Amino acid sequence: MKADILTFSGEHSKVNEFWLSFKADCIAHKWDLNLMVYYFRKAMRGTALTWWTSEMEEKVEMLKTIKNLHACFEAQFGITEAEKDAAEDLLDNLV
């Protein structure tokens, strides 16, 4: 079973787009955990691939669900609280 999935290189602006697409692929193809991890790893490029190989490959056993994978992914590449606060401050100043 081959899937055409988006790749991800670590850009904050692409986090949500990649994750929503990846999750949709998981559901559409009914991937089990092994296939989910396999295709997630195949999608990683650049800094995202470095993160996966240096931090996550040894932790694959703890990724028992897609929810756990998402939490690790979001912790590494998602928007931080400081970035959220800065964006809200910027919006407040525009109004």
N, C-alpha and C. Protein backbone atom coordinates (compact mmCIF):
# COMPACT_ATOMS: atom_id res chain seq x y z
N MET A 1 0.84 -1.17 0.00
CA MET A 1 0.00 0.00 0.00
C MET A 1 0.89 1.23 0.00
N LYS A 2 0.90 1.94 -1.08
CA LYS A 2 1.70 3.17 -1.18
C LYS A 2 0.76 4.37 -1.06
N ALA A 3 1.20 5.34 -0.33
CA ALA A 3 0.39 6.55 -0.16
C ALA A 3 1.21 7.76 -0.59
N ASP A 4 0.57 8.68 -1.25
CA ASP A 4 1.20 9.95 -1.60
C ASP A 4 0.87 10.93 -0.49
N ILE A 5 1.85 11.23 0.33
CA ILE A 5 1.61 12.13 1.45
C ILE A 5 2.47 13.37 1.32
N LEU A 6 2.00 14.43 1.96
CA LEU A 6 2.79 15.66 2.01
C LEU A 6 4.09 15.40 2.74
N THR A 7 5.10 16.16 2.43
CA THR A 7 6.33 16.10 3.21
C THR A 7 6.34 17.29 4.16
N PHE A 8 7.17 17.19 5.18
CA PHE A 8 7.26 18.26 6.17
C PHE A 8 8.72 18.49 6.52
N SER A 9 9.14 19.76 6.44
CA SER A 9 10.54 20.13 6.68
C SER A 9 10.76 20.91 7.97
N GLY A 10 9.71 21.13 8.73
CA GLY A 10 9.87 21.81 10.01
C GLY A 10 9.36 23.23 10.06
N GLU A 11 8.75 23.72 8.99
CA GLU A 11 8.26 25.10 8.97
C GLU A 11 7.00 25.25 9.82
N HIS A 12 7.03 26.23 10.74
CA HIS A 12 5.86 26.47 11.59
C HIS A 12 4.61 26.73 10.76
N SER A 13 4.76 27.42 9.66
CA SER A 13 3.59 27.79 8.85
C SER A 13 2.93 26.59 8.18
N LYS A 14 3.61 25.46 8.15
CA LYS A 14 3.08 24.26 7.49
C LYS A 14 2.61 23.18 8.46
N VAL A 15 2.73 23.43 9.75
CA VAL A 15 2.41 22.41 10.76
C VAL A 15 0.98 21.92 10.63
N ASN A 16 0.02 22.83 10.65
CA ASN A 16 -1.39 22.42 10.61
C ASN A 16 -1.75 21.75 9.29
N GLU A 17 -1.29 22.32 8.19
CA GLU A 17 -1.57 21.73 6.88
C GLU A 17 -1.04 20.30 6.79
N PHE A 18 0.20 20.11 7.23
CA PHE A 18 0.77 18.76 7.18
C PHE A 18 0.00 17.82 8.09
N TRP A 19 -0.25 18.24 9.34
CA TRP A 19 -0.88 17.33 10.29
C TRP A 19 -2.29 16.93 9.84
N LEU A 20 -3.08 17.89 9.39
CA LEU A 20 -4.44 17.57 8.94
C LEU A 20 -4.42 16.62 7.75
N SER A 21 -3.50 16.83 6.84
CA SER A 21 -3.37 15.95 5.68
C SER A 21 -2.91 14.55 6.11
N PHE A 22 -1.93 14.50 7.00
CA PHE A 22 -1.42 13.21 7.47
C PHE A 22 -2.50 12.43 8.21
N LYS A 23 -3.23 13.11 9.09
CA LYS A 23 -4.29 12.45 9.85
C LYS A 23 -5.38 11.93 8.91
N ALA A 24 -5.73 12.71 7.90
CA ALA A 24 -6.73 12.26 6.91
C ALA A 24 -6.24 11.02 6.18
N ASP A 25 -4.95 10.98 5.84
CA ASP A 25 -4.39 9.79 5.20
C ASP A 25 -4.46 8.58 6.12
N CYS A 26 -4.15 8.77 7.39
CA CYS A 26 -4.22 7.67 8.36
C CYS A 26 -5.62 7.07 8.39
N ILE A 27 -6.61 7.93 8.41
CA ILE A 27 -8.00 7.47 8.48
C ILE A 27 -8.42 6.83 7.16
N ALA A 28 -8.13 7.49 6.05
CA ALA A 28 -8.56 7.00 4.74
C ALA A 28 -7.94 5.64 4.41
N HIS A 29 -6.69 5.45 4.79
CA HIS A 29 -5.99 4.20 4.47
C HIS A 29 -6.07 3.17 5.58
N LYS A 30 -6.69 3.56 6.71
CA LYS A 30 -6.85 2.67 7.86
C LYS A 30 -5.51 2.09 8.32
N TRP A 31 -4.52 2.98 8.43
CA TRP A 31 -3.19 2.54 8.84
C TRP A 31 -3.19 2.11 10.30
N ASP A 32 -2.49 1.02 10.57
CA ASP A 32 -2.25 0.65 11.96
C ASP A 32 -1.07 1.50 12.45
N LEU A 33 -0.69 1.32 13.69
CA LEU A 33 0.37 2.14 14.27
C LEU A 33 1.68 2.01 13.51
N ASN A 34 2.02 0.80 13.09
CA ASN A 34 3.28 0.59 12.37
C ASN A 34 3.31 1.37 11.05
N LEU A 35 2.23 1.31 10.29
CA LEU A 35 2.18 2.05 9.03
C LEU A 35 2.14 3.55 9.26
N MET A 36 1.43 3.97 10.31
CA MET A 36 1.37 5.39 10.64
C MET A 36 2.78 5.93 10.90
N VAL A 37 3.55 5.23 11.72
CA VAL A 37 4.91 5.65 12.03
C VAL A 37 5.78 5.60 10.78
N TYR A 38 5.63 4.55 9.99
CA TYR A 38 6.41 4.39 8.76
C TYR A 38 6.19 5.58 7.82
N TYR A 39 4.93 5.92 7.54
CA TYR A 39 4.65 7.01 6.61
C TYR A 39 4.98 8.38 7.21
N PHE A 40 4.82 8.52 8.51
CA PHE A 40 5.19 9.78 9.16
C PHE A 40 6.68 10.02 8.98
N ARG A 41 7.47 9.00 9.25
CA ARG A 41 8.93 9.10 9.10
C ARG A 41 9.31 9.39 7.65
N LYS A 42 8.62 8.75 6.70
CA LYS A 42 8.91 8.96 5.28
C LYS A 42 8.60 10.40 4.86
N ALA A 43 7.70 11.07 5.55
CA ALA A 43 7.31 12.44 5.20
C ALA A 43 8.27 13.49 5.73
N MET A 44 9.11 13.12 6.68
CA MET A 44 10.01 14.08 7.30
C MET A 44 11.18 14.44 6.38
N ARG A 45 11.52 15.73 6.36
CA ARG A 45 12.64 16.27 5.59
C ARG A 45 13.36 17.31 6.45
N GLY A 46 14.58 17.63 6.11
CA GLY A 46 15.31 18.72 6.75
C GLY A 46 15.35 18.63 8.26
N THR A 47 15.00 19.75 8.94
CA THR A 47 15.04 19.77 10.40
C THR A 47 14.05 18.80 11.01
N ALA A 48 12.94 18.55 10.33
CA ALA A 48 11.97 17.58 10.84
C ALA A 48 12.57 16.17 10.83
N LEU A 49 13.29 15.83 9.80
CA LEU A 49 13.94 14.52 9.73
C LEU A 49 15.03 14.41 10.80
N THR A 50 15.78 15.48 11.00
CA THR A 50 16.80 15.49 12.05
C THR A 50 16.16 15.25 13.41
N TRP A 51 15.06 15.94 13.69
CA TRP A 51 14.32 15.74 14.94
C TRP A 51 13.90 14.29 15.07
N TRP A 52 13.32 13.73 14.02
CA TRP A 52 12.82 12.35 14.09
C TRP A 52 13.97 11.37 14.37
N THR A 53 15.05 11.48 13.62
CA THR A 53 16.14 10.51 13.77
C THR A 53 16.90 10.70 15.08
N SER A 54 17.02 11.92 15.57
CA SER A 54 17.80 12.14 16.79
C SER A 54 16.98 11.99 18.07
N GLU A 55 15.67 12.23 18.00
CA GLU A 55 14.87 12.19 19.22
C GLU A 55 13.75 11.16 19.23
N MET A 56 13.13 10.95 18.09
CA MET A 56 11.90 10.15 18.10
C MET A 56 12.09 8.68 17.73
N GLU A 57 13.06 8.34 16.92
CA GLU A 57 13.21 6.94 16.51
C GLU A 57 13.35 6.01 17.70
N GLU A 58 14.07 6.44 18.72
CA GLU A 58 14.24 5.60 19.89
C GLU A 58 13.00 5.58 20.79
N LYS A 59 12.06 6.48 20.56
CA LYS A 59 10.85 6.57 21.37
C LYS A 59 9.62 6.00 20.67
N VAL A 60 9.81 5.36 19.54
CA VAL A 60 8.68 4.87 18.75
C VAL A 60 7.78 3.95 19.57
N GLU A 61 8.35 3.18 20.46
CA GLU A 61 7.56 2.25 21.28
C GLU A 61 6.54 2.98 22.15
N MET A 62 6.83 4.22 22.53
CA MET A 62 5.88 4.97 23.37
C MET A 62 4.73 5.58 22.56
N LEU A 63 4.87 5.59 21.24
CA LEU A 63 3.83 6.17 20.39
C LEU A 63 2.73 5.14 20.16
N LYS A 64 1.92 4.93 21.14
CA LYS A 64 0.90 3.89 21.07
C LYS A 64 -0.35 4.33 20.30
N THR A 65 -0.48 5.65 20.09
CA THR A 65 -1.65 6.18 19.38
C THR A 65 -1.25 7.36 18.51
N ILE A 66 -2.13 7.71 17.59
CA ILE A 66 -1.90 8.90 16.77
C ILE A 66 -1.92 10.15 17.64
N LYS A 67 -2.68 10.10 18.72
CA LYS A 67 -2.76 11.24 19.63
C LYS A 67 -1.38 11.51 20.26
N ASN A 68 -0.67 10.46 20.64
CA ASN A 68 0.67 10.62 21.20
C ASN A 68 1.65 11.17 20.16
N LEU A 69 1.54 10.67 18.93
CA LEU A 69 2.39 11.18 17.86
C LEU A 69 2.12 12.66 17.64
N HIS A 70 0.85 13.04 17.63
CA HIS A 70 0.49 14.44 17.44
C HIS A 70 1.05 15.31 18.57
N ALA A 71 0.97 14.83 19.80
CA ALA A 71 1.48 15.60 20.94
C ALA A 71 2.99 15.85 20.80
N CYS A 72 3.74 14.83 20.40
CA CYS A 72 5.19 14.99 20.20
C CYS A 72 5.48 15.95 19.05
N PHE A 73 4.75 15.80 17.97
CA PHE A 73 4.92 16.65 16.79
C PHE A 73 4.59 18.11 17.13
N GLU A 74 3.49 18.31 17.81
CA GLU A 74 3.05 19.66 18.18
C GLU A 74 4.03 20.30 19.17
N ALA A 75 4.55 19.51 20.10
CA ALA A 75 5.51 20.04 21.07
C ALA A 75 6.78 20.52 20.37
N GLN A 76 7.17 19.83 19.32
CA GLN A 76 8.40 20.20 18.61
C GLN A 76 8.19 21.34 17.62
N PHE A 77 7.09 21.29 16.86
CA PHE A 77 6.95 22.22 15.74
C PHE A 77 5.76 23.17 15.84
N GLY A 78 4.89 22.94 16.79
CA GLY A 78 3.70 23.78 16.91
C GLY A 78 4.03 25.17 17.40
N ILE A 79 3.04 26.00 17.35
CA ILE A 79 3.19 27.39 17.79
C ILE A 79 3.34 27.40 19.31
N THR A 80 4.26 28.15 19.82
CA THR A 80 4.49 28.22 21.26
C THR A 80 3.54 29.23 21.89
N GLU A 81 3.41 29.16 23.20
CA GLU A 81 2.57 30.13 23.91
C GLU A 81 3.08 31.55 23.69
N ALA A 82 4.39 31.72 23.68
CA ALA A 82 4.97 33.05 23.45
C ALA A 82 4.60 33.58 22.07
N GLU A 83 4.63 32.69 21.07
CA GLU A 83 4.25 33.10 19.72
C GLU A 83 2.76 33.45 19.64
N LYS A 84 1.93 32.67 20.35
CA LYS A 84 0.50 32.98 20.39
C LYS A 84 0.27 34.34 21.04
N ASP A 85 0.95 34.59 22.16
CA ASP A 85 0.81 35.87 22.86
C ASP A 85 1.25 37.03 21.98
N ALA A 86 2.36 36.86 21.28
CA ALA A 86 2.87 37.91 20.39
C ALA A 86 1.88 38.19 19.27
N ALA A 87 1.28 37.16 18.72
CA ALA A 87 0.30 37.33 17.65
C ALA A 87 -0.94 38.06 18.17
N GLU A 88 -1.38 37.70 19.38
CA GLU A 88 -2.54 38.37 19.97
C GLU A 88 -2.23 39.84 20.26
N ASP A 89 -1.03 40.12 20.76
CA ASP A 89 -0.62 41.50 21.01
C ASP A 89 -0.61 42.31 19.72
N LEU A 90 -0.10 41.71 18.66
CA LEU A 90 -0.06 42.38 17.37
C LEU A 90 -1.48 42.69 16.89
N LEU A 91 -2.38 41.73 17.04
CA LEU A 91 -3.78 41.96 16.64
C LEU A 91 -4.42 43.05 17.48
N ASP A 92 -4.14 43.04 18.79
CA ASP A 92 -4.69 44.07 19.68
C ASP A 92 -4.22 45.46 19.27
N ASN A 93 -2.97 45.56 18.85
CA ASN A 93 -2.41 46.85 18.44
C ASN A 93 -2.97 47.33 17.11
N LEU A 94 -3.46 46.42 16.30
CA LEU A 94 -4.03 46.80 15.01
C LEU A 94 -5.43 47.36 15.14
N VAL A 95 -6.12 46.99 16.20
CA VAL A 95 -7.51 47.40 16.39
C VAL A 95 -7.61 48.77 17.00
